[in-house]
């Protein structure tokens, strides 16, 4: 599933509803920023994306 949001808050709200319990990718201008996972309530786990080479 792919969607656009007006900002990070809107993106996280949508992700919380649509990807509960799963990891989602957060992109900005064609660049993968991080992986996010809703832990329930207002808690989020953010995992930085190191890139394909680990750098």
N, C-alpha and C. Protein backbone atom coordinates (compact mmCIF):
# COMPACT_ATOMS: atom_id res chain seq x y z
N UNK A 1 0.85 -1.16 0.00
CA UNK A 1 0.00 0.00 0.00
C UNK A 1 0.90 1.23 0.00
N UNK A 2 0.56 2.17 -0.82
CA UNK A 2 1.31 3.42 -0.90
C UNK A 2 0.34 4.57 -0.71
N UNK A 3 0.77 5.60 0.03
CA UNK A 3 -0.07 6.77 0.22
C UNK A 3 0.81 7.99 0.43
N UNK A 4 0.22 9.14 0.25
CA UNK A 4 0.91 10.40 0.50
C UNK A 4 0.21 11.10 1.66
N UNK A 5 1.00 11.85 2.43
CA UNK A 5 0.45 12.58 3.57
C UNK A 5 1.03 13.99 3.57
N UNK A 6 0.32 14.89 4.21
CA UNK A 6 0.74 16.29 4.25
C UNK A 6 1.89 16.53 5.22
N UNK A 7 2.17 15.58 6.07
CA UNK A 7 3.26 15.73 7.04
C UNK A 7 3.44 14.44 7.82
N UNK A 8 4.44 14.43 8.70
CA UNK A 8 4.76 13.22 9.45
C UNK A 8 3.61 12.79 10.37
N UNK A 9 2.93 13.75 10.99
CA UNK A 9 1.83 13.40 11.88
C UNK A 9 0.72 12.68 11.12
N UNK A 10 0.34 13.22 9.98
CA UNK A 10 -0.70 12.59 9.16
C UNK A 10 -0.25 11.22 8.67
N UNK A 11 1.03 11.10 8.31
CA UNK A 11 1.55 9.81 7.83
C UNK A 11 1.50 8.76 8.94
N UNK A 12 1.89 9.16 10.15
CA UNK A 12 1.87 8.20 11.26
C UNK A 12 0.45 7.82 11.66
N UNK A 13 -0.48 8.76 11.59
CA UNK A 13 -1.88 8.43 11.88
C UNK A 13 -2.40 7.39 10.90
N UNK A 14 -2.12 7.60 9.62
CA UNK A 14 -2.57 6.66 8.60
C UNK A 14 -1.89 5.31 8.81
N UNK A 15 -0.59 5.32 9.03
CA UNK A 15 0.15 4.07 9.22
C UNK A 15 -0.36 3.29 10.42
N UNK A 16 -0.72 4.00 11.49
CA UNK A 16 -1.23 3.33 12.68
C UNK A 16 -2.53 2.58 12.39
N UNK A 17 -3.38 3.17 11.57
CA UNK A 17 -4.64 2.52 11.22
C UNK A 17 -4.45 1.38 10.24
N UNK A 18 -3.61 1.57 9.26
CA UNK A 18 -3.53 0.63 8.15
C UNK A 18 -2.46 -0.44 8.29
N UNK A 19 -1.48 -0.24 9.15
CA UNK A 19 -0.39 -1.21 9.24
C UNK A 19 -0.17 -1.70 10.67
N UNK A 20 -1.21 -1.72 11.48
CA UNK A 20 -1.08 -2.12 12.88
C UNK A 20 -0.34 -3.44 13.00
N UNK A 21 0.72 -3.43 13.81
CA UNK A 21 1.48 -4.64 14.06
C UNK A 21 2.48 -5.00 12.97
N UNK A 22 2.53 -4.22 11.91
CA UNK A 22 3.47 -4.48 10.82
C UNK A 22 4.41 -3.30 10.67
N UNK A 23 5.51 -3.53 10.01
CA UNK A 23 6.48 -2.47 9.75
C UNK A 23 6.13 -1.76 8.45
N UNK A 24 6.27 -0.45 8.45
CA UNK A 24 6.02 0.36 7.25
C UNK A 24 7.27 1.18 6.94
N UNK A 25 7.40 1.58 5.70
CA UNK A 25 8.52 2.42 5.28
C UNK A 25 8.07 3.87 5.23
N UNK A 26 8.93 4.76 5.67
CA UNK A 26 8.64 6.19 5.62
C UNK A 26 9.59 6.83 4.61
N UNK A 27 9.01 7.40 3.54
CA UNK A 27 9.77 7.98 2.43
C UNK A 27 9.54 9.48 2.38
N UNK A 28 10.54 10.20 1.89
CA UNK A 28 10.41 11.63 1.64
C UNK A 28 11.16 11.96 0.37
N UNK A 29 10.46 12.52 -0.59
CA UNK A 29 11.06 12.93 -1.87
C UNK A 29 11.86 11.81 -2.53
N UNK A 30 11.30 10.60 -2.51
CA UNK A 30 11.94 9.47 -3.17
C UNK A 30 13.06 8.82 -2.38
N UNK A 31 13.27 9.24 -1.14
CA UNK A 31 14.34 8.68 -0.31
C UNK A 31 13.73 7.97 0.90
N UNK A 32 14.15 6.72 1.11
CA UNK A 32 13.68 5.97 2.27
C UNK A 32 14.35 6.51 3.52
N UNK A 33 13.55 7.05 4.45
CA UNK A 33 14.09 7.64 5.67
C UNK A 33 14.29 6.62 6.77
N UNK A 34 13.25 5.81 7.02
CA UNK A 34 13.33 4.85 8.11
C UNK A 34 12.18 3.86 8.01
N UNK A 35 12.22 2.88 8.87
CA UNK A 35 11.13 1.93 9.02
C UNK A 35 10.40 2.28 10.31
N UNK A 36 9.08 2.22 10.30
CA UNK A 36 8.29 2.56 11.48
C UNK A 36 7.34 1.43 11.80
N UNK A 37 7.10 1.24 13.10
CA UNK A 37 6.15 0.23 13.54
C UNK A 37 5.38 0.79 14.73
N UNK A 38 4.06 0.73 14.66
CA UNK A 38 3.23 1.16 15.76
C UNK A 38 3.29 0.11 16.86
N UNK A 39 3.56 0.55 18.09
CA UNK A 39 3.60 -0.36 19.24
C UNK A 39 2.32 -0.26 20.06
N UNK A 40 1.35 0.48 19.54
CA UNK A 40 0.09 0.67 20.25
C UNK A 40 0.05 2.01 20.93
N UNK A 41 -1.12 2.57 21.03
CA UNK A 41 -1.26 3.89 21.64
C UNK A 41 -0.50 4.92 20.83
N UNK A 42 0.34 5.68 21.50
CA UNK A 42 1.15 6.71 20.83
C UNK A 42 2.61 6.32 20.75
N UNK A 43 2.93 5.04 20.96
CA UNK A 43 4.32 4.58 20.93
C UNK A 43 4.68 4.06 19.54
N UNK A 44 5.87 4.46 19.09
CA UNK A 44 6.37 4.04 17.78
C UNK A 44 7.80 3.55 17.91
N UNK A 45 8.11 2.56 17.10
CA UNK A 45 9.49 2.09 16.99
C UNK A 45 10.01 2.57 15.64
N UNK A 46 11.10 3.34 15.65
CA UNK A 46 11.73 3.83 14.42
C UNK A 46 13.06 3.13 14.24
N UNK A 47 13.27 2.59 13.05
CA UNK A 47 14.52 1.92 12.73
C UNK A 47 15.15 2.65 11.54
N UNK A 48 16.33 3.24 11.74
CA UNK A 48 16.95 3.95 10.63
C UNK A 48 17.27 3.00 9.48
N UNK A 49 17.21 3.52 8.28
CA UNK A 49 17.55 2.76 7.10
C UNK A 49 18.98 3.08 6.74
N UNK A 50 19.86 2.09 6.78
CA UNK A 50 21.28 2.33 6.56
C UNK A 50 21.66 2.29 5.10
N UNK A 51 20.76 1.88 4.23
CA UNK A 51 21.07 1.78 2.81
C UNK A 51 21.51 0.38 2.44
N UNK A 52 21.58 0.11 1.16
CA UNK A 52 21.87 -1.25 0.69
C UNK A 52 23.26 -1.73 1.05
N UNK A 53 24.20 -0.84 1.33
CA UNK A 53 25.56 -1.26 1.66
C UNK A 53 25.81 -1.23 3.16
N UNK A 54 24.80 -0.80 3.94
CA UNK A 54 24.95 -0.73 5.39
C UNK A 54 25.62 0.55 5.84
N UNK A 55 25.82 1.51 4.96
CA UNK A 55 26.44 2.78 5.32
C UNK A 55 25.41 3.84 5.57
